[in-house]
Amino acid sequence: MPVALNANLPARSAPAAAPYLVGQDGEGHWVAVETGGRAGGLFRTRQDAIRYACVETGCRPDEVALAVEPIRVRLS
C-alpha cells in the first residue's frame, strides 16, 4: 500500500501533542516511537521511520512529529 509522506512534518521538542515522534537517537539511528512507550522501532532511513509512524496512526497529519532533540530509546 503506497503511503504519502509529508516531508513538512512539524518539529517538536516535547512529545506531548503527537502520539508518534520520529527522530534520531544519540547514535544517529532513525527511530519512531509511540509517546506512551508501547510501540516503535529503529529504522534505516528517516523516510522508513516516518512511513511506519504514518501507517500506525492512519496517516493523520497531526499524529506524527519530528523531534528536535535526540530521542532516548529504552529497550525493556
N, C-alpha and C. Protein backbone atom coordinates (compact mmCIF):
# COMPACT_ATOMS: atom_id res chain seq x y z
N MET A 1 0.84 -1.17 0.00
CA MET A 1 0.00 0.00 0.00
C MET A 1 0.88 1.23 0.00
N PRO A 2 0.75 2.12 -0.98
CA PRO A 2 1.55 3.33 -1.01
C PRO A 2 1.13 4.28 0.11
N VAL A 3 2.11 4.92 0.69
CA VAL A 3 1.86 5.87 1.77
C VAL A 3 2.46 7.20 1.38
N ALA A 4 1.66 8.25 1.41
CA ALA A 4 2.15 9.59 1.11
C ALA A 4 2.85 10.13 2.33
N LEU A 5 4.09 10.56 2.16
CA LEU A 5 4.87 11.09 3.27
C LEU A 5 4.87 12.60 3.21
N ASN A 6 4.63 13.23 4.32
CA ASN A 6 4.66 14.67 4.41
C ASN A 6 6.02 15.08 4.94
N ALA A 7 6.89 15.56 4.06
CA ALA A 7 8.24 15.95 4.46
C ALA A 7 8.22 17.20 5.33
N ASN A 8 7.10 17.88 5.42
CA ASN A 8 6.99 19.11 6.20
C ASN A 8 6.32 18.88 7.54
N LEU A 9 6.63 17.75 8.17
CA LEU A 9 6.07 17.47 9.49
C LEU A 9 6.55 18.53 10.48
N PRO A 10 5.70 18.90 11.43
CA PRO A 10 6.12 19.90 12.41
C PRO A 10 7.19 19.34 13.34
N ALA A 11 8.20 20.15 13.63
CA ALA A 11 9.24 19.75 14.58
C ALA A 11 8.78 20.14 15.98
N ARG A 12 8.94 19.21 16.92
CA ARG A 12 8.52 19.48 18.29
C ARG A 12 9.61 19.05 19.25
N SER A 13 9.79 19.82 20.29
CA SER A 13 10.79 19.43 21.29
C SER A 13 10.18 18.56 22.37
N ALA A 14 8.88 18.67 22.59
CA ALA A 14 8.20 17.85 23.60
C ALA A 14 7.20 16.93 22.91
N PRO A 15 7.19 15.66 23.27
CA PRO A 15 6.32 14.70 22.59
C PRO A 15 4.87 14.70 23.04
N ALA A 16 4.44 15.65 23.86
CA ALA A 16 3.11 15.60 24.46
C ALA A 16 1.97 15.66 23.45
N ALA A 17 2.09 16.37 22.35
CA ALA A 17 0.97 16.60 21.46
C ALA A 17 0.75 15.47 20.44
N ALA A 18 1.78 14.84 19.95
CA ALA A 18 1.63 13.82 18.91
C ALA A 18 1.87 12.43 19.48
N PRO A 19 1.04 11.46 19.07
CA PRO A 19 1.22 10.09 19.56
C PRO A 19 2.52 9.45 19.09
N TYR A 20 3.05 9.84 17.94
CA TYR A 20 4.32 9.28 17.45
C TYR A 20 5.35 10.38 17.24
N LEU A 21 6.57 10.09 17.65
CA LEU A 21 7.68 11.01 17.49
C LEU A 21 8.75 10.32 16.66
N VAL A 22 9.23 11.02 15.64
CA VAL A 22 10.26 10.49 14.74
C VAL A 22 11.50 11.36 14.87
N GLY A 23 12.66 10.72 14.98
CA GLY A 23 13.92 11.46 15.07
C GLY A 23 15.07 10.49 15.14
N GLN A 24 16.21 11.00 15.59
CA GLN A 24 17.39 10.16 15.71
C GLN A 24 17.74 9.97 17.18
N ASP A 25 18.30 8.80 17.48
CA ASP A 25 18.77 8.57 18.84
C ASP A 25 20.16 9.17 18.98
N GLY A 26 20.78 9.00 20.11
CA GLY A 26 22.10 9.56 20.38
C GLY A 26 23.20 9.03 19.48
N GLU A 27 22.97 7.87 18.84
CA GLU A 27 23.97 7.27 17.95
C GLU A 27 23.67 7.53 16.49
N GLY A 28 22.61 8.30 16.20
CA GLY A 28 22.29 8.65 14.82
C GLY A 28 21.35 7.70 14.11
N HIS A 29 20.81 6.71 14.82
CA HIS A 29 19.84 5.80 14.20
C HIS A 29 18.48 6.50 14.13
N TRP A 30 17.74 6.25 13.06
CA TRP A 30 16.40 6.81 12.94
C TRP A 30 15.44 5.96 13.76
N VAL A 31 14.60 6.61 14.54
CA VAL A 31 13.63 5.92 15.38
C VAL A 31 12.26 6.55 15.24
N ALA A 32 11.25 5.74 15.44
CA ALA A 32 9.87 6.21 15.55
C ALA A 32 9.33 5.56 16.81
N VAL A 33 8.83 6.37 17.72
CA VAL A 33 8.33 5.84 18.98
C VAL A 33 6.95 6.40 19.30
N GLU A 34 6.13 5.54 19.86
CA GLU A 34 4.84 5.96 20.36
C GLU A 34 5.13 6.64 21.69
N THR A 35 4.57 7.81 21.92
CA THR A 35 4.96 8.60 23.09
C THR A 35 4.61 7.92 24.41
N GLY A 36 3.72 6.95 24.40
CA GLY A 36 3.43 6.19 25.61
C GLY A 36 4.46 5.11 25.87
N GLY A 37 5.35 4.89 24.91
CA GLY A 37 6.42 3.92 25.09
C GLY A 37 6.05 2.47 24.79
N ARG A 38 4.89 2.25 24.20
CA ARG A 38 4.46 0.87 23.96
C ARG A 38 4.78 0.35 22.58
N ALA A 39 5.19 1.21 21.65
CA ALA A 39 5.47 0.76 20.28
C ALA A 39 6.55 1.64 19.68
N GLY A 40 7.18 1.13 18.65
CA GLY A 40 8.20 1.90 17.96
C GLY A 40 9.24 1.00 17.35
N GLY A 41 10.27 1.61 16.80
CA GLY A 41 11.32 0.81 16.20
C GLY A 41 12.48 1.64 15.71
N LEU A 42 13.55 0.93 15.34
CA LEU A 42 14.73 1.54 14.74
C LEU A 42 14.64 1.34 13.24
N PHE A 43 15.03 2.36 12.48
CA PHE A 43 14.87 2.31 11.03
C PHE A 43 16.14 2.75 10.33
N ARG A 44 16.28 2.28 9.11
CA ARG A 44 17.48 2.59 8.33
C ARG A 44 17.48 4.03 7.82
N THR A 45 16.30 4.55 7.49
CA THR A 45 16.22 5.92 6.96
C THR A 45 15.11 6.70 7.66
N ARG A 46 15.16 7.99 7.52
CA ARG A 46 14.13 8.88 8.05
C ARG A 46 12.79 8.56 7.39
N GLN A 47 12.81 8.33 6.09
CA GLN A 47 11.59 8.01 5.36
C GLN A 47 10.93 6.74 5.90
N ASP A 48 11.73 5.73 6.20
CA ASP A 48 11.18 4.49 6.75
C ASP A 48 10.53 4.73 8.11
N ALA A 49 11.16 5.54 8.94
CA ALA A 49 10.61 5.84 10.27
C ALA A 49 9.29 6.60 10.15
N ILE A 50 9.25 7.58 9.25
CA ILE A 50 8.02 8.36 9.05
C ILE A 50 6.93 7.47 8.48
N ARG A 51 7.28 6.62 7.53
CA ARG A 51 6.29 5.71 6.93
C ARG A 51 5.66 4.81 8.00
N TYR A 52 6.49 4.25 8.86
CA TYR A 52 5.99 3.39 9.95
C TYR A 52 5.01 4.17 10.84
N ALA A 53 5.42 5.35 11.28
CA ALA A 53 4.57 6.15 12.17
C ALA A 53 3.28 6.54 11.46
N CYS A 54 3.38 6.85 10.19
CA CYS A 54 2.20 7.24 9.41
C CYS A 54 1.21 6.08 9.33
N VAL A 55 1.70 4.91 9.00
CA VAL A 55 0.82 3.74 8.91
C VAL A 55 0.19 3.43 10.27
N GLU A 56 0.97 3.53 11.33
CA GLU A 56 0.47 3.22 12.67
C GLU A 56 -0.61 4.20 13.14
N THR A 57 -0.57 5.43 12.65
CA THR A 57 -1.54 6.44 13.08
C THR A 57 -2.65 6.68 12.07
N GLY A 58 -2.68 5.91 11.01
CA GLY A 58 -3.70 6.10 9.99
C GLY A 58 -3.44 7.32 9.12
N CYS A 59 -2.21 7.77 9.08
CA CYS A 59 -1.78 8.91 8.25
C CYS A 59 -2.53 10.20 8.57
N ARG A 60 -2.88 10.39 9.83
CA ARG A 60 -3.49 11.66 10.23
C ARG A 60 -2.38 12.68 10.43
N PRO A 61 -2.51 13.87 9.84
CA PRO A 61 -1.42 14.84 9.80
C PRO A 61 -0.85 15.28 11.15
N ASP A 62 -1.66 15.37 12.19
CA ASP A 62 -1.18 15.87 13.48
C ASP A 62 -0.73 14.75 14.43
N GLU A 63 -0.65 13.54 13.94
CA GLU A 63 -0.33 12.40 14.79
C GLU A 63 1.15 12.04 14.82
N VAL A 64 1.95 12.63 13.93
CA VAL A 64 3.39 12.33 13.84
C VAL A 64 4.16 13.65 13.87
N ALA A 65 5.18 13.72 14.72
CA ALA A 65 6.01 14.92 14.81
C ALA A 65 7.48 14.54 14.71
N LEU A 66 8.28 15.46 14.20
CA LEU A 66 9.73 15.26 14.16
C LEU A 66 10.35 15.83 15.42
N ALA A 67 11.25 15.07 16.01
CA ALA A 67 11.91 15.51 17.24
C ALA A 67 13.02 16.50 16.92
N VAL A 68 13.17 17.49 17.76
CA VAL A 68 14.25 18.46 17.64
C VAL A 68 15.50 17.93 18.33
N GLU A 69 15.33 17.32 19.47
CA GLU A 69 16.42 16.76 20.27
C GLU A 69 16.53 15.26 19.98
N PRO A 70 17.69 14.66 20.28
CA PRO A 70 17.82 13.21 20.13
C PRO A 70 16.78 12.48 21.01
N ILE A 71 16.28 11.38 20.49
CA ILE A 71 15.29 10.57 21.20
C ILE A 71 16.01 9.51 22.02
N ARG A 72 15.68 9.41 23.28
CA ARG A 72 16.25 8.36 24.13
C ARG A 72 15.41 7.11 23.96
N VAL A 73 16.05 6.03 23.53
CA VAL A 73 15.35 4.76 23.33
C VAL A 73 15.72 3.83 24.47
N ARG A 74 14.69 3.34 25.13
CA ARG A 74 14.91 2.42 26.24
C ARG A 74 14.32 1.07 25.86
N LEU A 75 15.14 0.05 25.78
CA LEU A 75 14.66 -1.29 25.46
C LEU A 75 14.41 -2.05 26.75
N SER A 76 13.25 -2.67 26.84
CA SER A 76 12.94 -3.43 28.05
C SER A 76 12.30 -4.74 27.72
